[in-house]
Amino acid sequence: MFIMSEILVSVCCSTFNHEKFITKALDGFLMQKTNFKIEILINDDCSEYNTVSILKEYNKLYPDFFDITFQSENQFSKGVKPFAQMLFPRVKGKYIALCEGDDYWTDPLKLQKQVDFLEENKDYSVCFHKCKIVDENDTEFVSDTFNHLEEKDYVGSELLEKWSIPTASVVFRTEYLKYIQKRAVTPGYLYGDTPMFLTLLENGKARCLTDNMSAYRIHSGGISRIASKKQVIALYTHYQTLKRDFNGKYSKIMAKNIGGHAFGASVFLFKEGHLVKGAKFLFISMFYDRKPVTDFLQESF
């Protein structure tokens, strides 16, 4: 039974230069209809444009809903994980819901549905759902990215084989934060979402709901869309860390992922004129998985 005076869900939102998108995220939080109390924690990672003024205006309009931290220096560029190290230490709820500032929720009953499931199924550590994919103008992409998702339990290998958990779809139990935060500071991880989800699976089961209740946004300024020599090398290190971590449980599947990424990195580095680094990653790709190279050669010749 829920006690309305107690916070049951902590909504955690990380944002950076999302002035064009942040209102959709904030409106998605405000429209939630629940029979329990929520808190909305936001971390702005030193945005350069109008994101800060929008957040301050919403905070003025809804002073009892938001708890916003404004960073004076960008922390992600220093290797600090926005969720695990800047937002999670502030949570008060039994459950945590995630959403980045350029994504948004589309169903007013999203939190209620997911909390109801977790309350009724104590052996599950995390619950997620399907989502749509939109561009920077909110136009929906025709995409099969998440069409494979079914109403069922998912294991770690499935999450690594094919992208299955949109961040804005996740609700999980706060009791596992200590394990997530410990893993977040493991050297080598570029992003915190995949190791976080795998950590949750070490402590319980993961269930996907087929209701489409959020939107994942693809745009030119997204962190995952930024390509540079430093970025491709950091992502390679991230995959290698996943391969070694979790007692090597996912080493086989990560070896295949490393092969594919290394080939893509070699092509990018060659095009950018980094010939030595490009040759190194081509060799790495051949070592782990020759299929990307042979497929490329067959298509080219």
Protein backbone atom coordinates (compact mmCIF):
# COMPACT_ATOMS: atom_id res chain seq x y z
CA MET A 1 0.00 0.00 0.00
CA PHE A 2 1.31 3.43 -0.97
CA ILE A 3 1.57 6.25 1.56
CA MET A 4 1.05 9.48 -0.38
CA SER A 5 3.31 11.52 1.92
CA GLU A 6 6.30 9.33 0.99
CA ILE A 7 8.16 9.58 -2.32
CA LEU A 8 7.87 6.30 -4.17
CA VAL A 9 9.54 7.20 -7.49
CA SER A 10 12.54 9.43 -8.14
CA VAL A 11 12.53 10.66 -11.74
CA CYS A 12 16.13 11.33 -12.82
CA CYS A 13 16.77 13.55 -15.83
CA SER A 14 20.19 14.45 -17.23
CA THR A 15 20.35 17.37 -19.65
CA PHE A 16 22.96 19.32 -21.63
CA ASN A 17 22.22 21.88 -24.35
CA HIS A 18 18.71 20.51 -24.85
CA GLU A 19 16.96 23.86 -25.23
CA LYS A 20 14.98 22.66 -28.26
CA PHE A 21 13.79 19.50 -26.53
CA ILE A 22 13.72 19.91 -22.75
CA THR A 23 10.12 21.20 -22.55
CA LYS A 24 8.85 17.90 -24.01
CA ALA A 25 10.71 15.99 -21.30
CA LEU A 26 9.44 18.25 -18.51
CA ASP A 27 5.84 18.10 -19.78
CA GLY A 28 6.10 14.31 -19.89
CA PHE A 29 7.02 14.27 -16.20
CA LEU A 30 4.27 16.69 -15.22
CA MET A 31 1.51 14.77 -17.02
CA GLN A 32 2.07 11.56 -15.04
CA LYS A 33 -1.03 10.31 -13.24
CA THR A 34 -0.11 8.20 -10.22
CA ASN A 35 -1.55 7.11 -6.89
CA PHE A 36 1.86 7.74 -5.32
CA LYS A 37 4.20 10.68 -4.83
CA ILE A 38 7.15 11.35 -7.15
CA GLU A 39 10.13 13.68 -7.13
CA ILE A 40 11.73 15.07 -10.30
CA LEU A 41 15.51 15.40 -10.05
CA ILE A 42 17.29 17.21 -12.88
CA ASN A 43 20.99 17.73 -13.48
CA ASP A 44 22.00 20.35 -16.02
CA ASP A 45 25.61 19.69 -16.98
CA CYS A 46 26.60 23.33 -17.60
CA SER A 47 24.48 23.94 -20.71
CA GLU A 48 25.72 26.76 -22.93
CA TYR A 49 22.44 28.03 -24.36
CA ASN A 50 18.82 28.48 -23.20
CA THR A 51 18.34 25.14 -21.42
CA VAL A 52 19.06 26.77 -18.06
CA SER A 53 16.50 29.57 -18.53
CA ILE A 54 13.81 27.05 -19.54
CA LEU A 55 14.53 24.93 -16.47
CA LYS A 56 14.38 27.96 -14.20
CA GLU A 57 11.07 29.03 -15.71
CA TYR A 58 9.52 25.58 -15.13
CA ASN A 59 10.90 25.56 -11.60
CA LYS A 60 9.24 28.94 -11.00
CA LEU A 61 5.91 27.72 -12.41
CA TYR A 62 6.01 24.38 -10.54
CA PRO A 63 8.15 25.01 -7.42
CA ASP A 64 6.96 21.85 -5.65
CA PHE A 65 7.79 19.46 -8.50
CA PHE A 66 11.41 20.01 -9.48
CA ASP A 67 14.76 19.67 -7.72
CA ILE A 68 17.32 21.04 -10.20
CA THR A 69 21.11 21.17 -9.95
CA PHE A 70 23.03 23.48 -12.30
CA GLN A 71 26.66 22.48 -12.80
CA SER A 72 29.19 25.32 -13.17
CA GLU A 73 31.52 23.08 -15.21
CA ASN A 74 30.69 20.26 -17.58
CA GLN A 75 31.15 17.04 -15.60
CA PHE A 76 30.65 14.46 -18.38
CA SER A 77 33.77 15.76 -20.15
CA LYS A 78 35.68 14.94 -16.95
CA GLY A 79 34.45 11.34 -16.97
CA VAL A 80 31.69 11.83 -14.39
CA LYS A 81 28.59 9.72 -15.11
CA PRO A 82 25.50 12.00 -15.09
CA PHE A 83 23.08 9.48 -13.62
CA ALA A 84 25.19 7.32 -11.30
CA GLN A 85 27.37 10.08 -9.87
CA MET A 86 25.31 13.28 -10.12
CA LEU A 87 21.66 12.24 -9.84
CA PHE A 88 21.45 8.91 -8.02
CA PRO A 89 23.04 10.20 -4.77
CA ARG A 90 20.04 12.55 -4.43
CA VAL A 91 17.18 10.04 -4.81
CA LYS A 92 14.65 9.38 -2.06
CA GLY A 93 12.27 7.00 -3.82
CA LYS A 94 11.93 3.24 -3.71
CA TYR A 95 12.14 3.24 -7.51
CA ILE A 96 14.11 5.27 -10.05
CA ALA A 97 12.82 6.30 -13.48
CA LEU A 98 15.24 7.55 -16.13
CA CYS A 99 14.93 10.10 -18.93
CA GLU A 100 17.54 12.15 -20.73
CA GLY A 101 16.68 15.74 -21.59
CA ASP A 102 16.27 15.16 -25.32
CA ASP A 103 13.91 12.19 -24.91
CA TYR A 104 10.38 12.29 -23.47
CA TRP A 105 7.47 10.25 -22.13
CA THR A 106 4.26 9.87 -24.11
CA ASP A 107 1.92 7.98 -21.76
CA PRO A 108 0.49 9.65 -18.61
CA LEU A 109 0.18 6.22 -16.98
CA LYS A 110 3.74 5.13 -17.73
CA LEU A 111 5.03 5.29 -14.15
CA GLN A 112 1.86 3.80 -12.69
CA LYS A 113 2.02 0.78 -15.02
CA GLN A 114 5.67 0.07 -14.33
CA VAL A 115 5.48 0.55 -10.58
CA ASP A 116 2.39 -1.68 -10.42
CA PHE A 117 4.36 -4.42 -12.17
CA LEU A 118 7.40 -4.11 -9.89
CA GLU A 119 5.24 -3.97 -6.77
CA GLU A 120 3.53 -7.19 -7.79
CA ASN A 121 6.72 -8.98 -8.91
CA LYS A 122 9.42 -8.69 -6.26
CA ASP A 123 11.94 -10.84 -8.15
CA TYR A 124 12.29 -8.22 -10.91
CA SER A 125 14.94 -5.53 -10.52
CA VAL A 126 14.04 -3.52 -13.62
CA CYS A 127 11.15 -2.92 -15.99
CA PHE A 128 11.30 -1.24 -19.41
CA HIS A 129 9.09 -0.84 -22.49
CA LYS A 130 8.93 -0.16 -26.21
CA CYS A 131 9.32 3.35 -27.56
CA LYS A 132 9.08 5.29 -30.78
CA ILE A 133 12.01 7.05 -32.48
CA VAL A 134 11.71 10.70 -33.48
CA ASP A 135 13.90 13.35 -35.07
CA GLU A 136 14.62 16.83 -33.75
CA ASN A 137 11.25 18.03 -35.09
CA ASP A 138 9.29 15.22 -33.36
CA THR A 139 8.67 13.48 -36.69
CA GLU A 140 8.53 9.74 -36.10
CA PHE A 141 11.00 7.53 -37.94
CA VAL A 142 9.82 4.37 -39.64
CA SER A 143 12.24 2.05 -37.89
CA ASP A 144 12.42 -1.56 -36.80
CA THR A 145 14.96 -0.78 -34.05
CA PHE A 146 12.64 -1.85 -31.24
CA ASN A 147 10.21 -4.04 -33.20
CA HIS A 148 11.86 -7.16 -31.79
CA LEU A 149 10.77 -6.33 -28.25
CA GLU A 150 8.15 -8.64 -26.76
CA GLU A 151 6.27 -8.84 -23.47
CA LYS A 152 8.79 -11.15 -21.80
CA ASP A 153 11.88 -11.36 -19.62
CA TYR A 154 15.24 -10.40 -21.12
CA VAL A 155 18.72 -11.61 -20.18
CA GLY A 156 22.06 -9.83 -20.51
CA SER A 157 23.19 -11.50 -23.72
CA GLU A 158 20.01 -10.34 -25.48
CA LEU A 159 20.68 -6.77 -24.41
CA LEU A 160 24.17 -6.93 -25.88
CA GLU A 161 23.20 -8.68 -29.09
CA LYS A 162 20.60 -6.08 -30.03
CA TRP A 163 19.76 -2.71 -28.52
CA SER A 164 16.74 -3.44 -26.34
CA ILE A 165 16.45 -0.93 -23.49
CA PRO A 166 15.73 2.71 -24.35
CA THR A 167 16.96 4.74 -21.37
CA ALA A 168 13.72 6.73 -21.08
CA SER A 169 11.76 3.49 -20.66
CA VAL A 170 13.54 2.29 -17.52
CA VAL A 171 12.21 2.01 -13.96
CA PHE A 172 14.29 0.04 -11.44
CA ARG A 173 14.64 -0.65 -7.73
CA THR A 174 16.71 1.86 -5.75
CA GLU A 175 18.00 -0.89 -3.44
CA TYR A 176 20.57 -1.86 -6.10
CA LEU A 177 22.12 1.62 -6.38
CA LYS A 178 25.24 0.70 -4.41
CA TYR A 179 26.16 -1.92 -7.03
CA ILE A 180 25.42 0.44 -9.93
CA GLN A 181 27.46 3.27 -8.45
CA LYS A 182 30.39 0.99 -7.73
CA ARG A 183 30.43 -0.22 -11.33
CA ALA A 184 30.03 3.32 -12.68
CA VAL A 185 33.52 4.25 -11.52
CA THR A 186 35.12 1.20 -13.15
CA PRO A 187 37.87 2.57 -15.42
CA GLY A 188 37.13 2.21 -19.13
CA TYR A 189 33.38 2.72 -19.29
CA LEU A 190 32.34 5.55 -21.61
CA TYR A 191 28.58 5.22 -21.08
CA GLY A 192 26.85 4.07 -17.94
CA ASP A 193 23.59 2.63 -19.29
CA THR A 194 24.67 -0.84 -20.45
CA PRO A 195 26.79 -1.70 -17.38
CA MET A 196 23.93 -0.38 -15.22
CA PHE A 197 21.37 -2.66 -16.88
CA LEU A 198 23.69 -5.67 -16.68
CA THR A 199 24.30 -4.90 -13.00
CA LEU A 200 20.55 -4.86 -12.38
CA LEU A 201 20.34 -8.27 -14.06
CA GLU A 202 22.90 -9.59 -11.59
CA ASN A 203 20.35 -8.81 -8.86
CA GLY A 204 17.00 -9.68 -10.44
CA LYS A 205 15.06 -10.15 -13.64
CA ALA A 206 14.20 -7.66 -16.39
CA ARG A 207 10.73 -7.46 -17.94
CA CYS A 208 9.76 -5.64 -21.11
CA LEU A 209 6.26 -4.20 -21.49
CA THR A 210 5.05 -3.79 -25.07
CA ASP A 211 3.17 -0.56 -24.38
CA ASN A 212 4.83 2.26 -26.32
CA MET A 213 5.29 4.94 -23.64
CA SER A 214 8.29 7.10 -24.57
CA ALA A 215 10.20 8.63 -27.47
CA TYR A 216 13.90 8.26 -28.21
CA ARG A 217 15.23 11.23 -30.13
CA ILE A 218 17.93 11.13 -32.81
CA HIS A 219 19.53 14.48 -33.56
CA SER A 220 22.87 15.86 -34.68
CA GLY A 221 23.82 17.12 -31.21
CA GLY A 222 23.21 13.84 -29.39
CA ILE A 223 26.16 12.42 -27.49
CA SER A 224 25.90 9.07 -29.28
CA ARG A 225 26.00 10.85 -32.67
CA ILE A 226 29.26 12.73 -32.10
CA ALA A 227 32.18 11.10 -33.94
CA SER A 228 35.83 11.92 -33.36
CA LYS A 229 39.11 10.05 -33.08
CA LYS A 230 38.90 10.32 -29.29
CA GLN A 231 35.29 9.10 -29.29
CA VAL A 232 35.83 5.97 -31.41
CA ILE A 233 38.84 4.96 -29.32
CA ALA A 234 36.91 5.56 -26.07
CA LEU A 235 34.02 3.42 -27.36
CA TYR A 236 36.46 0.62 -28.21
CA THR A 237 37.78 0.79 -24.62
CA HIS A 238 34.17 0.73 -23.36
CA TYR A 239 33.48 -2.52 -25.26
CA GLN A 240 36.72 -4.06 -24.03
CA THR A 241 35.73 -3.21 -20.46
CA LEU A 242 32.35 -4.89 -20.93
CA LYS A 243 34.19 -7.95 -22.27
CA ARG A 244 36.39 -8.20 -19.17
CA ASP A 245 33.82 -7.20 -16.58
CA PHE A 246 31.06 -9.38 -15.09
CA ASN A 247 33.57 -12.23 -14.59
CA GLY A 248 33.89 -12.55 -18.36
CA LYS A 249 30.27 -13.69 -18.68
CA TYR A 250 29.75 -11.70 -21.87
CA SER A 251 33.23 -12.09 -23.37
CA LYS A 252 32.12 -14.11 -26.40
CA ILE A 253 29.36 -11.79 -27.52
CA MET A 254 31.48 -8.70 -26.78
CA ALA A 255 34.31 -10.07 -28.92
CA LYS A 256 31.92 -9.97 -31.88
CA ASN A 257 30.81 -6.45 -30.98
CA ILE A 258 34.44 -5.34 -30.67
CA GLY A 259 35.19 -6.73 -34.13
CA GLY A 260 32.34 -4.78 -35.69
CA HIS A 261 33.19 -1.54 -33.89
CA ALA A 262 36.92 -1.86 -34.63
CA PHE A 263 36.19 -2.17 -38.35
CA GLY A 264 33.90 0.86 -38.29
CA ALA A 265 36.55 2.75 -36.33
CA SER A 266 39.23 1.82 -38.87
CA VAL A 267 37.12 3.13 -41.77
CA PHE A 268 36.43 6.38 -39.89
CA LEU A 269 40.09 6.85 -38.93
CA PHE A 270 41.29 6.18 -42.49
CA LYS A 271 38.85 8.78 -43.83
CA GLU A 272 40.04 11.29 -41.24
CA GLY A 273 43.67 10.72 -42.25
CA HIS A 274 44.74 8.79 -39.15
CA LEU A 275 46.42 6.01 -41.12
CA VAL A 276 48.42 4.35 -38.33
CA LYS A 277 45.45 4.24 -35.95
CA GLY A 278 43.20 3.09 -38.79
CA ALA A 279 45.55 0.20 -39.60
CA LYS A 280 45.67 -0.75 -35.91
CA PHE A 281 41.88 -0.97 -35.66
CA LEU A 282 41.67 -2.89 -38.93
CA PHE A 283 44.03 -5.49 -37.46
CA ILE A 284 41.97 -5.60 -34.26
CA SER A 285 38.80 -6.13 -36.31
CA MET A 286 40.37 -9.06 -38.19
CA PHE A 287 41.54 -10.58 -34.91
CA TYR A 288 38.10 -10.54 -33.27
CA ASP A 289 35.71 -11.03 -36.19
CA ARG A 290 36.61 -11.10 -39.90
CA LYS A 291 33.02 -10.93 -41.10
CA PRO A 292 32.72 -7.10 -41.23
CA VAL A 293 35.87 -6.91 -43.38
CA THR A 294 34.84 -9.73 -45.74
CA ASP A 295 31.32 -8.30 -46.07
CA PHE A 296 32.77 -4.90 -46.94
CA LEU A 297 35.10 -6.38 -49.54
CA GLN A 298 32.28 -8.39 -51.14
CA GLU A 299 30.04 -5.32 -51.36
CA SER A 300 32.88 -3.19 -52.78
CA PHE A 301 34.23 -5.62 -55.35
